[in-house]
Amino acid sequence: MKDGRTHLAHKAEHAVDLETGAVLAVTLQPADQGDTTTIVETLAEAGENVADLIVREAAEAEPGVNLEGIVEVVGDKGYHSGAALVRMKKSGVRTYISEKKQAGKRHWIGKKDEQQAVYANRQRVSGNYGKSLLRKRGELIERSFAHCYDTGAMRRTHLRGHENILKRQLIHVGAFNLSLIFRSLIGAGTPRELRNRLALFTLVLERLINNLRDANGDSTALIFPHRGPKLPRRAPHLSRCHPSKRRALTTGC
């Protein structure tokens, strides 16, 4: 615009697994479409990706994916609408979507299917299990967005064209999922964290060897050239990421 502002041209949606925090699907939608419309495409994309995983994991003794596919969808109030709930109900998934506050009383004349879907979703959300899923959604969904759009600087892009922006977006999401794998295998999901852990390991090894030499009466201390943080009083906690058979889906923008 003439005053320097820009209109929102694209809108990103992530489908995140609530057990592992991994991004199952990412879609890039036109910004003039509402969340209740775009959630259908994101859910379909996530379903296709999970179906590919089922084909590969079905022959395993302990599959790391729910063989029934996506069974639960969790979302914020921006995705709540009677028509969207009916479509997801027909898809065979249970919805846990926060309900928007209505200004007045809703009229259900000629909308029996929507009424049943809205009431069923409201009952599930008000339960303890539904509330726990919504809390987990608020915890996990923001991690992928912070990685891709804050740290990854994808809030604004100079790329032109829907396809080019989607390619860049897929690279960012792939790096985020790769960091989850590294954190599960070696306990460090970023190069900086890995460097700090290596420096900490070197410092611990140095102190251990020097303590053994002091116990044996050897006065020569062994010094390793390292740069790292001071040894903490408590041992570092290594986060682990274990895939579960029970999967849930959450989307956000």
C-alpha atoms as a PDB file:
ATOM      1  CA  MET A   1       0.000   0.000   0.000  1.00  0.00           C
ATOM      2  CA  LYS A   2       1.063   3.639  -0.373  1.00  0.00           C
ATOM      3  CA  ASP A   3       1.647   4.134   3.353  1.00  0.00           C
ATOM      4  CA  GLY A   4       4.015   1.142   3.566  1.00  0.00           C
ATOM      5  CA  ARG A   5       1.566  -1.396   4.915  1.00  0.00           C
ATOM      6  CA  THR A   6       0.956  -4.706   3.178  1.00  0.00           C
ATOM      7  CA  HIS A   7      -2.159  -6.800   2.796  1.00  0.00           C
ATOM      8  CA  LEU A   8      -2.065 -10.399   3.994  1.00  0.00           C
ATOM      9  CA  ALA A   9      -1.802 -12.455   0.809  1.00  0.00           C
ATOM     10  CA  HIS A  10      -1.227 -15.994   2.088  1.00  0.00           C
ATOM     11  CA  LYS A  11      -2.226 -17.949   5.147  1.00  0.00           C
ATOM     12  CA  ALA A  12      -0.370 -20.991   6.472  1.00  0.00           C
ATOM     13  CA  GLU A  13      -1.952 -23.894   8.336  1.00  0.00           C
ATOM     14  CA  HIS A  14      -0.164 -26.684  10.183  1.00  0.00           C
ATOM     15  CA  ALA A  15      -1.552 -30.083  11.127  1.00  0.00           C
ATOM     16  CA  VAL A  16       0.439 -31.194  14.184  1.00  0.00           C
ATOM     17  CA  ASP A  17       0.531 -34.547  15.941  1.00  0.00           C
ATOM     18  CA  LEU A  18      -0.367 -34.017  19.589  1.00  0.00           C
ATOM     19  CA  GLU A  19       1.725 -36.962  20.775  1.00  0.00           C
ATOM     20  CA  THR A  20       5.080 -36.064  19.211  1.00  0.00           C
ATOM     21  CA  GLY A  21       4.659 -32.434  18.127  1.00  0.00           C
ATOM     22  CA  ALA A  22       5.631 -33.305  14.540  1.00  0.00           C
ATOM     23  CA  VAL A  23       3.959 -31.479  11.668  1.00  0.00           C
ATOM     24  CA  LEU A  24       1.874 -33.938   9.683  1.00  0.00           C
ATOM     25  CA  ALA A  25       0.840 -31.534   6.943  1.00  0.00           C
ATOM     26  CA  VAL A  26       1.256 -27.907   5.962  1.00  0.00           C
ATOM     27  CA  THR A  27      -0.904 -25.994   3.505  1.00  0.00           C
ATOM     28  CA  LEU A  28      -0.719 -22.501   2.091  1.00  0.00           C
ATOM     29  CA  GLN A  29      -4.129 -20.916   1.608  1.00  0.00           C
ATOM     30  CA  PRO A  30      -5.298 -17.608   0.129  1.00  0.00           C
ATOM     31  CA  ALA A  31      -5.722 -15.069   2.903  1.00  0.00           C
ATOM     32  CA  ASP A  32      -9.269 -14.180   1.857  1.00  0.00           C
ATOM     33  CA  GLN A  33     -10.564 -17.649   2.787  1.00  0.00           C
ATOM     34  CA  GLY A  34     -11.845 -18.348   6.275  1.00  0.00           C
ATOM     35  CA  ASP A  35     -10.448 -20.948   8.645  1.00  0.00           C
ATOM     36  CA  THR A  36     -13.668 -22.973   8.539  1.00  0.00           C
ATOM     37  CA  THR A  37     -13.155 -23.399   4.780  1.00  0.00           C
ATOM     38  CA  THR A  38      -9.433 -24.118   4.666  1.00  0.00           C
ATOM     39  CA  ILE A  39      -9.431 -26.682   7.488  1.00  0.00           C
ATOM     40  CA  VAL A  40     -10.960 -29.257   5.139  1.00  0.00           C
ATOM     41  CA  GLU A  41      -7.984 -29.145   2.765  1.00  0.00           C
ATOM     42  CA  THR A  42      -5.476 -29.262   5.620  1.00  0.00           C
ATOM     43  CA  LEU A  43      -7.244 -32.246   7.174  1.00  0.00           C
ATOM     44  CA  ALA A  44      -7.309 -34.038   3.808  1.00  0.00           C
ATOM     45  CA  GLU A  45      -3.580 -33.408   3.309  1.00  0.00           C
ATOM     46  CA  ALA A  46      -2.799 -34.749   6.775  1.00  0.00           C
ATOM     47  CA  GLY A  47      -4.971 -37.809   6.128  1.00  0.00           C
ATOM     48  CA  GLU A  48      -3.048 -38.630   2.957  1.00  0.00           C
ATOM     49  CA  ASN A  49       0.302 -38.346   4.736  1.00  0.00           C
ATOM     50  CA  VAL A  50      -0.878 -40.556   7.605  1.00  0.00           C
ATOM     51  CA  ALA A  51      -2.194 -43.093   5.076  1.00  0.00           C
ATOM     52  CA  ASP A  52       1.304 -43.322   3.551  1.00  0.00           C
ATOM     53  CA  LEU A  53       2.714 -43.961   7.021  1.00  0.00           C
ATOM     54  CA  ILE A  54       0.147 -46.691   7.638  1.00  0.00           C
ATOM     55  CA  VAL A  55       1.213 -48.495   4.458  1.00  0.00           C
ATOM     56  CA  ARG A  56       4.842 -48.538   5.646  1.00  0.00           C
ATOM     57  CA  GLU A  57       4.122 -49.314   9.292  1.00  0.00           C
ATOM     58  CA  ALA A  58       1.385 -51.930   8.849  1.00  0.00           C
ATOM     59  CA  ALA A  59       3.880 -54.784   8.465  1.00  0.00           C
ATOM     60  CA  GLU A  60       5.769 -53.856  11.658  1.00  0.00           C
ATOM     61  CA  ALA A  61       5.213 -55.784  14.869  1.00  0.00           C
ATOM     62  CA  GLU A  62       4.706 -52.530  16.791  1.00  0.00           C
ATOM     63  CA  PRO A  63       3.606 -49.839  14.327  1.00  0.00           C
ATOM     64  CA  GLY A  64       4.432 -46.290  15.331  1.00  0.00           C
ATOM     65  CA  VAL A  65       1.242 -44.897  13.838  1.00  0.00           C
ATOM     66  CA  ASN A  66      -2.420 -45.446  14.553  1.00  0.00           C
ATOM     67  CA  LEU A  67      -3.574 -47.890  11.888  1.00  0.00           C
ATOM     68  CA  GLU A  68      -7.062 -46.367  12.008  1.00  0.00           C
ATOM     69  CA  GLY A  69      -5.705 -43.057  10.725  1.00  0.00           C
ATOM     70  CA  ILE A  70      -6.672 -39.678  12.140  1.00  0.00           C
ATOM     71  CA  VAL A  71      -9.414 -40.104  14.711  1.00  0.00           C
ATOM     72  CA  GLU A  72      -9.419 -36.742  16.535  1.00  0.00           C
ATOM     73  CA  VAL A  73      -9.208 -33.140  15.418  1.00  0.00           C
ATOM     74  CA  VAL A  74      -8.408 -30.331  17.857  1.00  0.00           C
ATOM     75  CA  GLY A  75      -8.698 -26.684  16.919  1.00  0.00           C
ATOM     76  CA  ASP A  76      -9.320 -23.205  18.262  1.00  0.00           C
ATOM     77  CA  LYS A  77     -12.561 -21.266  18.010  1.00  0.00           C
ATOM     78  CA  GLY A  78     -11.653 -19.840  14.617  1.00  0.00           C
ATOM     79  CA  TYR A  79     -12.379 -23.240  13.064  1.00  0.00           C
ATOM     80  CA  HIS A  80     -15.791 -23.668  14.693  1.00  0.00           C
ATOM     81  CA  SER A  81     -18.819 -23.669  12.425  1.00  0.00           C
ATOM     82  CA  GLY A  82     -21.777 -25.967  12.004  1.00  0.00           C
ATOM     83  CA  ALA A  83     -20.974 -26.813   8.388  1.00  0.00           C
ATOM     84  CA  ALA A  84     -17.318 -27.587   9.153  1.00  0.00           C
ATOM     85  CA  LEU A  85     -18.277 -29.839  12.071  1.00  0.00           C
ATOM     86  CA  VAL A  86     -20.715 -31.746   9.869  1.00  0.00           C
ATOM     87  CA  ARG A  87     -18.069 -32.305   7.184  1.00  0.00           C
ATOM     88  CA  MET A  88     -15.542 -33.576   9.712  1.00  0.00           C
ATOM     89  CA  LYS A  89     -18.168 -35.818  11.308  1.00  0.00           C
ATOM     90  CA  LYS A  90     -18.837 -37.383   7.913  1.00  0.00           C
ATOM     91  CA  SER A  91     -15.084 -37.915   7.550  1.00  0.00           C
ATOM     92  CA  GLY A  92     -15.183 -40.148  10.636  1.00  0.00           C
ATOM     93  CA  VAL A  93     -13.200 -37.974  13.066  1.00  0.00           C
ATOM     94  CA  ARG A  94     -14.135 -36.663  16.493  1.00  0.00           C
ATOM     95  CA  THR A  95     -13.823 -32.919  16.875  1.00  0.00           C
ATOM     96  CA  TYR A  96     -12.574 -30.982  19.898  1.00  0.00           C
ATOM     97  CA  ILE A  97     -12.958 -27.403  18.676  1.00  0.00           C
ATOM     98  CA  SER A  98     -13.564 -24.490  21.002  1.00  0.00           C
ATOM     99  CA  GLU A  99     -16.942 -22.850  20.465  1.00  0.00           C
ATOM    100  CA  LYS A 100     -17.342 -19.165  19.814  1.00  0.00           C
ATOM    101  CA  LYS A 101     -19.617 -17.120  22.079  1.00  0.00           C
ATOM    102  CA  GLN A 102     -22.866 -16.358  20.298  1.00  0.00           C
ATOM    103  CA  ALA A 103     -24.453 -12.928  20.581  1.00  0.00           C
ATOM    104  CA  GLY A 104     -27.918 -14.460  20.806  1.00  0.00           C
ATOM    105  CA  LYS A 105     -29.725 -17.756  20.723  1.00  0.00           C
ATOM    106  CA  ARG A 106     -29.055 -19.970  17.734  1.00  0.00           C
ATOM    107  CA  HIS A 107     -31.894 -21.130  15.523  1.00  0.00           C
ATOM    108  CA  TRP A 108     -31.710 -24.738  14.359  1.00  0.00           C
ATOM    109  CA  ILE A 109     -34.721 -24.837  12.039  1.00  0.00           C
ATOM    110  CA  GLY A 110     -33.726 -26.977   9.064  1.00  0.00           C
ATOM    111  CA  LYS A 111     -30.230 -27.576  10.507  1.00  0.00           C
ATOM    112  CA  LYS A 112     -30.637 -30.797  12.422  1.00  0.00           C
ATOM    113  CA  ASP A 113     -27.285 -32.238  11.318  1.00  0.00           C
ATOM    114  CA  GLU A 114     -25.431 -29.102  12.359  1.00  0.00           C
ATOM    115  CA  GLN A 115     -27.248 -29.033  15.687  1.00  0.00           C
ATOM    116  CA  GLN A 116     -26.222 -32.604  16.499  1.00  0.00           C
ATOM    117  CA  ALA A 117     -22.612 -31.979  15.457  1.00  0.00           C
ATOM    118  CA  VAL A 118     -22.358 -28.745  17.482  1.00  0.00           C
ATOM    119  CA  TYR A 119     -23.894 -30.271  20.627  1.00  0.00           C
ATOM    120  CA  ALA A 120     -21.671 -33.362  20.411  1.00  0.00           C
ATOM    121  CA  ASN A 121     -18.561 -31.202  19.973  1.00  0.00           C
ATOM    122  CA  ARG A 122     -19.621 -28.986  22.886  1.00  0.00           C
ATOM    123  CA  GLN A 123     -20.028 -31.997  25.147  1.00  0.00           C
ATOM    124  CA  ARG A 124     -16.594 -33.365  24.237  1.00  0.00           C
ATOM    125  CA  VAL A 125     -14.848 -30.025  24.725  1.00  0.00           C
ATOM    126  CA  SER A 126     -16.376 -29.512  28.171  1.00  0.00           C
ATOM    127  CA  GLY A 127     -15.011 -32.848  29.439  1.00  0.00           C
ATOM    128  CA  ASN A 128     -11.676 -33.316  31.173  1.00  0.00           C
ATOM    129  CA  TYR A 129     -10.164 -35.137  28.212  1.00  0.00           C
ATOM    130  CA  GLY A 130     -11.228 -32.406  25.798  1.00  0.00           C
ATOM    131  CA  LYS A 131      -9.765 -29.697  28.024  1.00  0.00           C
ATOM    132  CA  SER A 132      -6.473 -31.572  28.236  1.00  0.00           C
ATOM    133  CA  LEU A 133      -6.310 -31.777  24.434  1.00  0.00           C
ATOM    134  CA  LEU A 134      -6.950 -28.055  24.086  1.00  0.00           C
ATOM    135  CA  ARG A 135      -4.157 -27.295  26.572  1.00  0.00           C
ATOM    136  CA  LYS A 136      -1.799 -29.532  24.647  1.00  0.00           C
ATOM    137  CA  ARG A 137      -2.814 -27.830  21.401  1.00  0.00           C
ATOM    138  CA  GLY A 138      -1.841 -24.458  22.807  1.00  0.00           C
ATOM    139  CA  GLU A 139       1.509 -25.898  23.868  1.00  0.00           C
ATOM    140  CA  LEU A 140       2.563 -27.766  20.723  1.00  0.00           C
ATOM    141  CA  ILE A 141       1.068 -25.837  17.815  1.00  0.00           C
ATOM    142  CA  GLU A 142       2.958 -22.638  18.623  1.00  0.00           C
ATOM    143  CA  ARG A 143       6.328 -24.406  18.528  1.00  0.00           C
ATOM    144  CA  SER A 144       6.180 -25.135  14.817  1.00  0.00           C
ATOM    145  CA  PHE A 145       4.947 -21.621  14.072  1.00  0.00           C
ATOM    146  CA  ALA A 146       7.726 -20.051  16.144  1.00  0.00           C
ATOM    147  CA  HIS A 147      10.319 -22.173  14.336  1.00  0.00           C
ATOM    148  CA  CYS A 148       9.057 -21.439  10.818  1.00  0.00           C
ATOM    149  CA  TYR A 149       7.786 -17.880  11.026  1.00  0.00           C
ATOM    150  CA  ASP A 150       9.610 -16.193  13.914  1.00  0.00           C
ATOM    151  CA  THR A 151      13.035 -17.869  13.997  1.00  0.00           C
ATOM    152  CA  GLY A 152      12.772 -18.850  10.331  1.00  0.00           C
ATOM    153  CA  ALA A 153      11.670 -15.323   9.310  1.00  0.00           C
ATOM    154  CA  MET A 154       8.746 -16.506   7.182  1.00  0.00           C
ATOM    155  CA  ARG A 155       6.275 -13.906   8.445  1.00  0.00           C
ATOM    156  CA  ARG A 156       7.210 -11.842   5.400  1.00  0.00           C
ATOM    157  CA  THR A 157       8.767 -13.222   2.254  1.00  0.00           C
ATOM    158  CA  HIS A 158      10.077 -11.728  -0.959  1.00  0.00           C
ATOM    159  CA  LEU A 159       9.189 -14.808  -2.986  1.00  0.00           C
ATOM    160  CA  ARG A 160       6.562 -14.464  -5.670  1.00  0.00           C
ATOM    161  CA  GLY A 161       4.017 -17.120  -6.499  1.00  0.00           C
ATOM    162  CA  HIS A 162       2.059 -19.579  -4.416  1.00  0.00           C
ATOM    163  CA  GLU A 163       4.193 -22.557  -5.438  1.00  0.00           C
ATOM    164  CA  ASN A 164       7.529 -20.930  -4.551  1.00  0.00           C
ATOM    165  CA  ILE A 165       6.309 -19.858  -1.124  1.00  0.00           C
ATOM    166  CA  LEU A 166       4.984 -23.363  -0.431  1.00  0.00           C
ATOM    167  CA  LYS A 167       8.361 -24.882  -1.338  1.00  0.00           C
ATOM    168  CA  ARG A 168      10.141 -22.619   1.151  1.00  0.00           C
ATOM    169  CA  GLN A 169       7.515 -23.444   3.736  1.00  0.00           C
ATOM    170  CA  LEU A 170       8.006 -27.193   3.276  1.00  0.00           C
ATOM    171  CA  ILE A 171      11.768 -26.786   3.791  1.00  0.00           C
ATOM    172  CA  HIS A 172      11.186 -24.976   7.089  1.00  0.00           C
ATOM    173  CA  VAL A 173       8.704 -27.594   8.297  1.00  0.00           C
ATOM    174  CA  GLY A 174      11.033 -30.421   7.258  1.00  0.00           C
ATOM    175  CA  ALA A 175      13.837 -28.852   9.304  1.00  0.00           C
ATOM    176  CA  PHE A 176      11.506 -28.599  12.290  1.00  0.00           C
ATOM    177  CA  ASN A 177      10.568 -32.297  12.085  1.00  0.00           C
ATOM    178  CA  LEU A 178      14.238 -33.191  11.639  1.00  0.00           C
ATOM    179  CA  SER A 179      15.081 -31.348  14.849  1.00  0.00           C
ATOM    180  CA  LEU A 180      12.524 -33.506  16.691  1.00  0.00           C
ATOM    181  CA  ILE A 181      14.255 -36.645  15.403  1.00  0.00           C
ATOM    182  CA  PHE A 182      17.681 -35.382  16.469  1.00  0.00           C
ATOM    183  CA  ARG A 183      16.373 -34.424  19.897  1.00  0.00           C
ATOM    184  CA  SER A 184      14.954 -37.929  20.299  1.00  0.00           C
ATOM    185  CA  LEU A 185      18.178 -39.651  19.185  1.00  0.00           C
ATOM    186  CA  ILE A 186      20.975 -37.524  20.646  1.00  0.00           C
ATOM    187  CA  GLY A 187      19.125 -35.155  22.984  1.00  0.00           C
ATOM    188  CA  ALA A 188      19.916 -32.015  20.954  1.00  0.00           C
ATOM    189  CA  GLY A 189      17.672 -30.598  18.274  1.00  0.00           C
ATOM    190  CA  THR A 190      19.767 -27.601  17.166  1.00  0.00           C
ATOM    191  CA  PRO A 191      23.490 -27.154  16.336  1.00  0.00           C
ATOM    192  CA  ARG A 192      23.882 -24.686  19.191  1.00  0.00           C
ATOM    193  CA  GLU A 193      22.414 -27.131  21.686  1.00  0.00           C
ATOM    194  CA  LEU A 194      24.651 -29.921  20.354  1.00  0.00           C
ATOM    195  CA  ARG A 195      27.725 -27.697  20.723  1.00  0.00           C
ATOM    196  CA  ASN A 196      26.802 -26.875  24.320  1.00  0.00           C
ATOM    197  CA  ARG A 197      26.277 -30.554  25.141  1.00  0.00           C
ATOM    198  CA  LEU A 198      29.647 -31.505  23.631  1.00  0.00           C
ATOM    199  CA  ALA A 199      31.355 -28.784  25.650  1.00  0.00           C
ATOM    200  CA  LEU A 200      29.567 -29.970  28.781  1.00  0.00           C
ATOM    201  CA  PHE A 201      30.623 -33.572  28.102  1.00  0.00           C
ATOM    202  CA  THR A 202      34.243 -32.464  27.661  1.00  0.00           C
ATOM    203  CA  LEU A 203      34.161 -30.550  30.949  1.00  0.00           C
ATOM    204  CA  VAL A 204      32.682 -33.520  32.830  1.00  0.00           C
ATOM    205  CA  LEU A 205      35.281 -35.860  31.324  1.00  0.00           C
ATOM    206  CA  GLU A 206      38.084 -33.476  32.289  1.00  0.00           C
ATOM    207  CA  ARG A 207      36.934 -33.249  35.903  1.00  0.00           C
ATOM    208  CA  LEU A 208      36.481 -37.016  36.127  1.00  0.00           C
ATOM    209  CA  ILE A 209      40.010 -37.723  34.916  1.00  0.00           C
ATOM    210  CA  ASN A 210      41.489 -35.090  37.225  1.00  0.00           C
ATOM    211  CA  ASN A 211      39.603 -36.514  40.204  1.00  0.00           C
ATOM    212  CA  LEU A 212      40.943 -39.982  39.421  1.00  0.00           C
ATOM    213  CA  ARG A 213      44.479 -38.601  39.195  1.00  0.00           C
ATOM    214  CA  ASP A 214      44.095 -36.791  42.523  1.00  0.00           C
ATOM    215  CA  ALA A 215      42.881 -40.023  44.106  1.00  0.00           C
ATOM    216  CA  ASN A 216      45.993 -41.817  42.791  1.00  0.00           C
ATOM    217  CA  GLY A 217      48.329 -39.067  44.017  1.00  0.00           C
ATOM    218  CA  ASP A 218      49.144 -37.665  40.578  1.00  0.00           C
ATOM    219  CA  SER A 219      49.565 -33.879  40.759  1.00  0.00           C
ATOM    220  CA  THR A 220      49.520 -33.244  37.003  1.00  0.00           C
ATOM    221  CA  ALA A 221      46.093 -32.049  35.951  1.00  0.00           C
ATOM    222  CA  LEU A 222      44.700 -32.785  32.521  1.00  0.00           C
ATOM    223  CA  ILE A 223      43.211 -29.777  30.751  1.00  0.00           C
ATOM    224  CA  PHE A 224      41.071 -30.058  27.633  1.00  0.00           C
ATOM    225  CA  PRO A 225      40.785 -27.009  25.356  1.00  0.00           C
ATOM    226  CA  HIS A 226      37.097 -26.289  25.341  1.00  0.00           C
ATOM    227  CA  ARG A 227      34.666 -23.448  25.392  1.00  0.00           C
ATOM    228  CA  GLY A 228      31.363 -24.086  27.010  1.00  0.00           C
ATOM    229  CA  PRO A 229      29.070 -23.275  29.878  1.00  0.00           C
ATOM    230  CA  LYS A 230      29.881 -24.020  33.465  1.00  0.00           C
ATOM    231  CA  LEU A 231      28.895 -27.398  34.815  1.00  0.00           C
ATOM    232  CA  PRO A 232      25.379 -27.139  36.252  1.00  0.00           C
ATOM    233  CA  ARG A 233      24.546 -28.550  39.634  1.00  0.00           C
ATOM    234  CA  ARG A 234      22.004 -30.903  38.148  1.00  0.00           C
ATOM    235  CA  ALA A 235      22.422 -33.186  35.196  1.00  0.00           C
ATOM    236  CA  PRO A 236      20.753 -31.900  32.000  1.00  0.00           C
ATOM    237  CA  HIS A 237      17.403 -33.400  31.135  1.00  0.00           C
ATOM    238  CA  LEU A 238      17.293 -35.091  27.748  1.00  0.00           C
ATOM    239  CA  SER A 239      13.847 -34.805  26.215  1.00  0.00           C
ATOM    240  CA  ARG A 240      12.549 -37.868  24.478  1.00  0.00           C
ATOM    241  CA  CYS A 241       9.958 -38.091  21.713  1.00  0.00           C
ATOM    242  CA  HIS A 242       8.083 -41.404  21.626  1.00  0.00           C
ATOM    243  CA  PRO A 243       5.497 -41.930  18.898  1.00  0.00           C
ATOM    244  CA  SER A 244       2.189 -43.256  20.109  1.00  0.00           C
ATOM    245  CA  LYS A 245      -0.540 -45.200  18.389  1.00  0.00           C
ATOM    246  CA  ARG A 246      -3.107 -42.656  19.521  1.00  0.00           C
ATOM    247  CA  ARG A 247      -2.887 -39.616  17.297  1.00  0.00           C
ATOM    248  CA  ALA A 248      -4.676 -36.322  17.256  1.00  0.00           C
ATOM    249  CA  LEU A 249      -4.638 -33.435  14.840  1.00  0.00           C
ATOM    250  CA  THR A 250      -4.494 -29.741  15.473  1.00  0.00           C
ATOM    251  CA  THR A 251      -4.403 -26.833  13.079  1.00  0.00           C
ATOM    252  CA  GLY A 252      -3.574 -23.211  13.576  1.00  0.00           C
ATOM    253  CA  CYS A 253      -2.670 -20.062  11.756  1.00  0.00           C
END
